[in-house]
């Protein structure tokens, strides 16, 4: 417990001083700081992705910026497939959705 608490800034560790075990501290920290399951951040990223357009950006820059948002969103997604077959199927599904969103927001010159 001491190692965990001493590795934090005092303004953060003060909140965890009264927990009884290192396990409780660790679990509480995971809930507070883990990226998985942060619904508000995932919602914000989904909104950004939905509204993101190519505009005056070159195609490569548009794709790169959109891909960066997708990768960040993946960190906030709580779904983790339990087997390799589910993982492959899920990845294919995600890539299909991403392709549709990418194409839908391209400038009309690419239509």
N, C-alpha and C. Protein backbone atom coordinates (compact mmCIF):
# COMPACT_ATOMS: atom_id res chain seq x y z
N UNK A 1 0.84 -1.19 0.00
CA UNK A 1 0.00 0.00 0.00
C UNK A 1 0.88 1.24 0.00
N UNK A 2 1.93 1.18 0.80
CA UNK A 2 2.82 2.32 0.90
C UNK A 2 3.45 2.69 -0.43
N UNK A 3 3.85 1.68 -1.18
CA UNK A 3 4.45 1.93 -2.49
C UNK A 3 3.46 2.60 -3.44
N UNK A 4 2.24 2.12 -3.46
CA UNK A 4 1.22 2.73 -4.32
C UNK A 4 0.97 4.18 -3.92
N UNK A 5 0.76 4.39 -2.63
CA UNK A 5 0.43 5.74 -2.15
C UNK A 5 1.60 6.71 -2.32
N UNK A 6 2.82 6.23 -2.09
CA UNK A 6 3.98 7.13 -2.22
C UNK A 6 4.31 7.46 -3.67
N UNK A 7 3.80 6.67 -4.60
CA UNK A 7 4.07 6.93 -6.01
C UNK A 7 3.10 7.97 -6.61
N UNK A 8 2.12 8.40 -5.82
CA UNK A 8 1.13 9.38 -6.29
C UNK A 8 1.41 10.76 -5.72
N UNK A 9 0.90 11.75 -6.41
CA UNK A 9 0.94 13.11 -5.85
C UNK A 9 0.05 13.13 -4.62
N UNK A 10 0.41 13.92 -3.61
CA UNK A 10 -0.38 13.94 -2.37
C UNK A 10 -1.86 14.26 -2.58
N UNK A 11 -2.15 15.16 -3.50
CA UNK A 11 -3.55 15.52 -3.73
C UNK A 11 -4.35 14.36 -4.32
N UNK A 12 -3.67 13.40 -4.91
CA UNK A 12 -4.35 12.20 -5.42
C UNK A 12 -4.36 11.11 -4.36
N UNK A 13 -3.23 10.88 -3.72
CA UNK A 13 -3.14 9.79 -2.74
C UNK A 13 -4.02 10.01 -1.52
N UNK A 14 -4.30 11.26 -1.17
CA UNK A 14 -5.16 11.55 -0.01
C UNK A 14 -6.51 10.84 -0.11
N UNK A 15 -7.00 10.71 -1.32
CA UNK A 15 -8.30 10.07 -1.55
C UNK A 15 -8.26 8.57 -1.22
N UNK A 16 -7.09 7.95 -1.31
CA UNK A 16 -6.96 6.50 -1.16
C UNK A 16 -6.40 6.07 0.20
N UNK A 17 -6.10 7.02 1.09
CA UNK A 17 -5.48 6.71 2.37
C UNK A 17 -6.29 5.78 3.25
N UNK A 18 -7.58 5.83 3.15
CA UNK A 18 -8.42 5.09 4.08
C UNK A 18 -8.92 3.75 3.54
N UNK A 19 -8.45 3.38 2.37
CA UNK A 19 -8.77 2.05 1.86
C UNK A 19 -7.91 1.03 2.62
N UNK A 20 -8.42 -0.17 2.77
CA UNK A 20 -7.79 -1.14 3.66
C UNK A 20 -6.71 -2.01 3.04
N UNK A 21 -6.75 -2.22 1.72
CA UNK A 21 -5.76 -3.10 1.09
C UNK A 21 -5.21 -2.46 -0.18
N UNK A 22 -4.07 -2.96 -0.62
CA UNK A 22 -3.48 -2.51 -1.88
C UNK A 22 -4.41 -2.86 -3.04
N UNK A 23 -5.09 -3.99 -2.92
CA UNK A 23 -6.03 -4.41 -3.95
C UNK A 23 -7.17 -3.39 -4.10
N UNK A 24 -7.70 -2.91 -2.99
CA UNK A 24 -8.76 -1.90 -3.04
C UNK A 24 -8.25 -0.61 -3.67
N UNK A 25 -7.03 -0.23 -3.33
CA UNK A 25 -6.44 0.99 -3.92
C UNK A 25 -6.31 0.79 -5.43
N UNK A 26 -5.75 -0.35 -5.82
CA UNK A 26 -5.53 -0.63 -7.25
C UNK A 26 -6.85 -0.63 -8.02
N UNK A 27 -7.87 -1.29 -7.49
CA UNK A 27 -9.17 -1.33 -8.15
C UNK A 27 -9.77 0.06 -8.28
N UNK A 28 -9.66 0.84 -7.24
CA UNK A 28 -10.21 2.20 -7.26
C UNK A 28 -9.47 3.07 -8.29
N UNK A 29 -8.16 2.92 -8.35
CA UNK A 29 -7.37 3.65 -9.35
C UNK A 29 -7.75 3.23 -10.77
N UNK A 30 -7.94 1.93 -10.95
CA UNK A 30 -8.32 1.43 -12.27
C UNK A 30 -9.65 2.02 -12.72
N UNK A 31 -10.61 2.10 -11.79
CA UNK A 31 -11.91 2.68 -12.14
C UNK A 31 -11.76 4.16 -12.49
N UNK A 32 -10.92 4.86 -11.75
CA UNK A 32 -10.77 6.30 -11.95
C UNK A 32 -9.97 6.65 -13.20
N UNK A 33 -8.94 5.85 -13.50
CA UNK A 33 -8.00 6.27 -14.54
C UNK A 33 -7.93 5.35 -15.75
N UNK A 34 -8.60 4.22 -15.73
CA UNK A 34 -8.58 3.32 -16.87
C UNK A 34 -9.32 3.96 -18.04
N UNK A 35 -8.82 3.75 -19.23
CA UNK A 35 -9.49 4.28 -20.41
C UNK A 35 -10.69 3.44 -20.80
N UNK A 36 -10.67 2.15 -20.45
CA UNK A 36 -11.75 1.26 -20.85
C UNK A 36 -13.04 1.64 -20.12
N UNK A 37 -14.07 1.81 -20.89
CA UNK A 37 -15.38 2.06 -20.31
C UNK A 37 -15.68 3.52 -19.99
N UNK A 38 -14.83 4.44 -20.40
CA UNK A 38 -15.12 5.85 -20.18
C UNK A 38 -16.13 6.30 -21.23
N UNK A 39 -17.38 6.17 -20.87
CA UNK A 39 -18.47 6.42 -21.80
C UNK A 39 -18.48 7.85 -22.33
N UNK A 40 -18.21 8.81 -21.48
CA UNK A 40 -18.24 10.21 -21.92
C UNK A 40 -17.18 10.47 -22.98
N UNK A 41 -15.97 9.96 -22.78
CA UNK A 41 -14.90 10.16 -23.76
C UNK A 41 -15.22 9.42 -25.05
N UNK A 42 -15.73 8.20 -24.94
CA UNK A 42 -16.10 7.44 -26.13
C UNK A 42 -17.20 8.16 -26.90
N UNK A 43 -18.16 8.72 -26.19
CA UNK A 43 -19.24 9.48 -26.83
C UNK A 43 -18.66 10.68 -27.58
N UNK A 44 -17.76 11.41 -26.94
CA UNK A 44 -17.14 12.58 -27.55
C UNK A 44 -16.38 12.18 -28.83
N UNK A 45 -15.63 11.12 -28.77
CA UNK A 45 -14.89 10.66 -29.95
C UNK A 45 -15.84 10.23 -31.07
N UNK A 46 -16.91 9.54 -30.71
CA UNK A 46 -17.89 9.13 -31.73
C UNK A 46 -18.52 10.36 -32.39
N UNK A 47 -18.79 11.39 -31.61
CA UNK A 47 -19.34 12.63 -32.16
C UNK A 47 -18.33 13.27 -33.12
N UNK A 48 -17.07 13.33 -32.70
CA UNK A 48 -16.03 13.89 -33.56
C UNK A 48 -15.95 13.14 -34.88
N UNK A 49 -15.96 11.81 -34.80
CA UNK A 49 -15.86 10.98 -36.00
C UNK A 49 -17.05 11.20 -36.91
N UNK A 50 -18.24 11.28 -36.33
CA UNK A 50 -19.46 11.48 -37.12
C UNK A 50 -19.43 12.82 -37.84
N UNK A 51 -18.90 13.85 -37.20
CA UNK A 51 -18.91 15.19 -37.77
C UNK A 51 -17.66 15.51 -38.60
N UNK A 52 -16.66 14.64 -38.56
CA UNK A 52 -15.39 14.90 -39.22
C UNK A 52 -15.54 14.81 -40.74
N UNK A 53 -15.09 15.85 -41.46
CA UNK A 53 -15.18 15.89 -42.91
C UNK A 53 -13.80 16.17 -43.50
N UNK A 54 -13.65 15.82 -44.77
CA UNK A 54 -12.38 16.08 -45.43
C UNK A 54 -12.12 17.58 -45.54
N UNK A 55 -13.13 18.33 -45.95
CA UNK A 55 -12.95 19.77 -46.07
C UNK A 55 -11.80 20.11 -47.00
N UNK A 56 -10.91 21.00 -46.55
CA UNK A 56 -9.77 21.41 -47.38
C UNK A 56 -8.51 20.58 -47.13
N UNK A 57 -8.64 19.51 -46.37
CA UNK A 57 -7.49 18.66 -46.07
C UNK A 57 -7.20 17.72 -47.25
N UNK A 58 -5.91 17.50 -47.54
CA UNK A 58 -5.59 16.48 -48.55
C UNK A 58 -6.08 15.12 -48.07
N UNK A 59 -6.32 14.22 -49.02
CA UNK A 59 -6.90 12.91 -48.71
C UNK A 59 -6.09 12.17 -47.64
N UNK A 60 -4.77 12.16 -47.75
CA UNK A 60 -3.92 11.43 -46.80
C UNK A 60 -4.04 12.02 -45.38
N UNK A 61 -4.12 13.32 -45.28
CA UNK A 61 -4.23 13.98 -43.98
C UNK A 61 -5.60 13.68 -43.37
N UNK A 62 -6.65 13.75 -44.20
CA UNK A 62 -8.00 13.43 -43.74
C UNK A 62 -8.06 12.01 -43.19
N UNK A 63 -7.52 11.04 -43.96
CA UNK A 63 -7.55 9.65 -43.52
C UNK A 63 -6.74 9.46 -42.24
N UNK A 64 -5.58 10.05 -42.18
CA UNK A 64 -4.71 9.91 -41.01
C UNK A 64 -5.38 10.47 -39.75
N UNK A 65 -6.01 11.62 -39.85
CA UNK A 65 -6.67 12.23 -38.70
C UNK A 65 -7.87 11.39 -38.26
N UNK A 66 -8.60 10.85 -39.20
CA UNK A 66 -9.75 10.00 -38.88
C UNK A 66 -9.29 8.69 -38.24
N UNK A 67 -8.23 8.11 -38.78
CA UNK A 67 -7.68 6.87 -38.25
C UNK A 67 -7.20 7.07 -36.81
N UNK A 68 -6.60 8.21 -36.54
CA UNK A 68 -6.14 8.51 -35.18
C UNK A 68 -7.32 8.51 -34.21
N UNK A 69 -8.45 9.09 -34.60
CA UNK A 69 -9.64 9.10 -33.74
C UNK A 69 -10.19 7.68 -33.55
N UNK A 70 -10.19 6.87 -34.61
CA UNK A 70 -10.66 5.49 -34.49
C UNK A 70 -9.79 4.70 -33.52
N UNK A 71 -8.47 4.88 -33.62
CA UNK A 71 -7.56 4.15 -32.74
C UNK A 71 -7.75 4.58 -31.28
N UNK A 72 -7.96 5.88 -31.07
CA UNK A 72 -8.21 6.36 -29.71
C UNK A 72 -9.53 5.79 -29.18
N UNK A 73 -10.54 5.77 -30.03
CA UNK A 73 -11.83 5.20 -29.62
C UNK A 73 -11.69 3.73 -29.23
N UNK A 74 -10.85 3.00 -29.93
CA UNK A 74 -10.64 1.58 -29.61
C UNK A 74 -10.14 1.40 -28.18
N UNK A 75 -9.36 2.38 -27.68
CA UNK A 75 -8.86 2.30 -26.30
C UNK A 75 -9.98 2.47 -25.28
N UNK A 76 -11.01 3.17 -25.67
CA UNK A 76 -12.12 3.44 -24.74
C UNK A 76 -13.24 2.42 -24.88
N UNK A 77 -13.12 1.50 -25.81
CA UNK A 77 -14.16 0.51 -26.04
C UNK A 77 -13.96 -0.66 -25.09
N UNK A 78 -14.99 -1.01 -24.37
CA UNK A 78 -14.90 -2.06 -23.36
C UNK A 78 -15.01 -3.47 -23.96
N UNK A 79 -15.51 -3.59 -25.18
CA UNK A 79 -15.71 -4.93 -25.76
C UNK A 79 -14.37 -5.57 -26.09
N UNK A 80 -14.16 -6.75 -25.57
CA UNK A 80 -12.97 -7.54 -25.85
C UNK A 80 -13.43 -8.94 -26.24
N UNK A 81 -13.27 -9.33 -27.52
CA UNK A 81 -13.71 -10.66 -27.95
C UNK A 81 -13.03 -11.75 -27.13
N UNK A 82 -13.75 -12.84 -26.90
CA UNK A 82 -13.23 -13.91 -26.07
C UNK A 82 -12.45 -14.97 -26.85
N UNK A 83 -12.61 -15.00 -28.17
CA UNK A 83 -11.86 -15.99 -28.95
C UNK A 83 -11.40 -15.34 -30.26
N UNK A 84 -10.45 -16.00 -30.92
CA UNK A 84 -9.87 -15.41 -32.13
C UNK A 84 -10.89 -15.29 -33.26
N UNK A 85 -11.84 -16.21 -33.33
CA UNK A 85 -12.86 -16.13 -34.36
C UNK A 85 -13.76 -14.91 -34.14
N UNK A 86 -14.16 -14.67 -32.89
CA UNK A 86 -14.94 -13.48 -32.58
C UNK A 86 -14.14 -12.22 -32.85
N UNK A 87 -12.87 -12.24 -32.51
CA UNK A 87 -12.01 -11.07 -32.73
C UNK A 87 -11.91 -10.73 -34.21
N UNK A 88 -11.72 -11.74 -35.05
CA UNK A 88 -11.62 -11.52 -36.49
C UNK A 88 -12.93 -10.99 -37.06
N UNK A 89 -14.03 -11.56 -36.63
CA UNK A 89 -15.34 -11.13 -37.09
C UNK A 89 -15.63 -9.69 -36.66
N UNK A 90 -15.32 -9.40 -35.41
CA UNK A 90 -15.53 -8.05 -34.88
C UNK A 90 -14.66 -7.03 -35.64
N UNK A 91 -13.39 -7.38 -35.87
CA UNK A 91 -12.49 -6.47 -36.57
C UNK A 91 -12.98 -6.19 -37.98
N UNK A 92 -13.48 -7.21 -38.67
CA UNK A 92 -14.02 -7.02 -40.02
C UNK A 92 -15.22 -6.07 -39.98
N UNK A 93 -16.08 -6.26 -39.00
CA UNK A 93 -17.25 -5.40 -38.84
C UNK A 93 -16.84 -3.94 -38.60
N UNK A 94 -15.89 -3.73 -37.72
CA UNK A 94 -15.41 -2.38 -37.40
C UNK A 94 -14.80 -1.73 -38.64
N UNK A 95 -13.98 -2.48 -39.38
CA UNK A 95 -13.34 -1.93 -40.58
C UNK A 95 -14.37 -1.55 -41.65
N UNK A 96 -15.44 -2.32 -41.76
CA UNK A 96 -16.50 -2.02 -42.73
C UNK A 96 -17.20 -0.71 -42.35
N UNK A 97 -17.51 -0.55 -41.09
CA UNK A 97 -18.14 0.69 -40.62
C UNK A 97 -17.21 1.87 -40.85
N UNK A 98 -15.93 1.70 -40.54
CA UNK A 98 -14.97 2.77 -40.74
C UNK A 98 -14.85 3.15 -42.21
N UNK A 99 -14.86 2.18 -43.09
CA UNK A 99 -14.78 2.47 -44.53
C UNK A 99 -15.99 3.28 -44.98
N UNK A 100 -17.19 2.91 -44.51
CA UNK A 100 -18.39 3.66 -44.88
C UNK A 100 -18.31 5.11 -44.38
N UNK A 101 -17.86 5.28 -43.14
CA UNK A 101 -17.76 6.63 -42.59
C UNK A 101 -16.71 7.45 -43.31
N UNK A 102 -15.60 6.83 -43.65
CA UNK A 102 -14.54 7.52 -44.40
C UNK A 102 -15.07 8.00 -45.74
N UNK A 103 -15.73 7.11 -46.47
CA UNK A 103 -16.23 7.45 -47.80
C UNK A 103 -17.36 8.48 -47.73
N UNK A 104 -18.18 8.40 -46.71
CA UNK A 104 -19.32 9.31 -46.60
C UNK A 104 -18.91 10.76 -46.39
N UNK A 105 -17.73 10.99 -45.83
CA UNK A 105 -17.29 12.36 -45.52
C UNK A 105 -16.22 12.89 -46.46
N UNK A 106 -15.96 12.17 -47.56
CA UNK A 106 -15.03 12.66 -48.56
C UNK A 106 -15.66 13.84 -49.32
N UNK A 107 -14.81 14.67 -49.86
CA UNK A 107 -15.31 15.76 -50.70
C UNK A 107 -15.98 15.18 -51.95
N UNK A 108 -16.86 15.93 -52.56
CA UNK A 108 -17.61 15.45 -53.72
C UNK A 108 -16.71 15.13 -54.91
N UNK A 109 -15.49 15.69 -54.99
CA UNK A 109 -14.58 15.39 -56.12
C UNK A 109 -14.30 13.89 -56.21
N UNK A 110 -14.38 13.19 -55.08
CA UNK A 110 -14.06 11.75 -55.06
C UNK A 110 -15.29 10.88 -55.30
N UNK A 111 -16.44 11.52 -55.46
CA UNK A 111 -17.67 10.75 -55.66
C UNK A 111 -17.54 9.97 -56.95
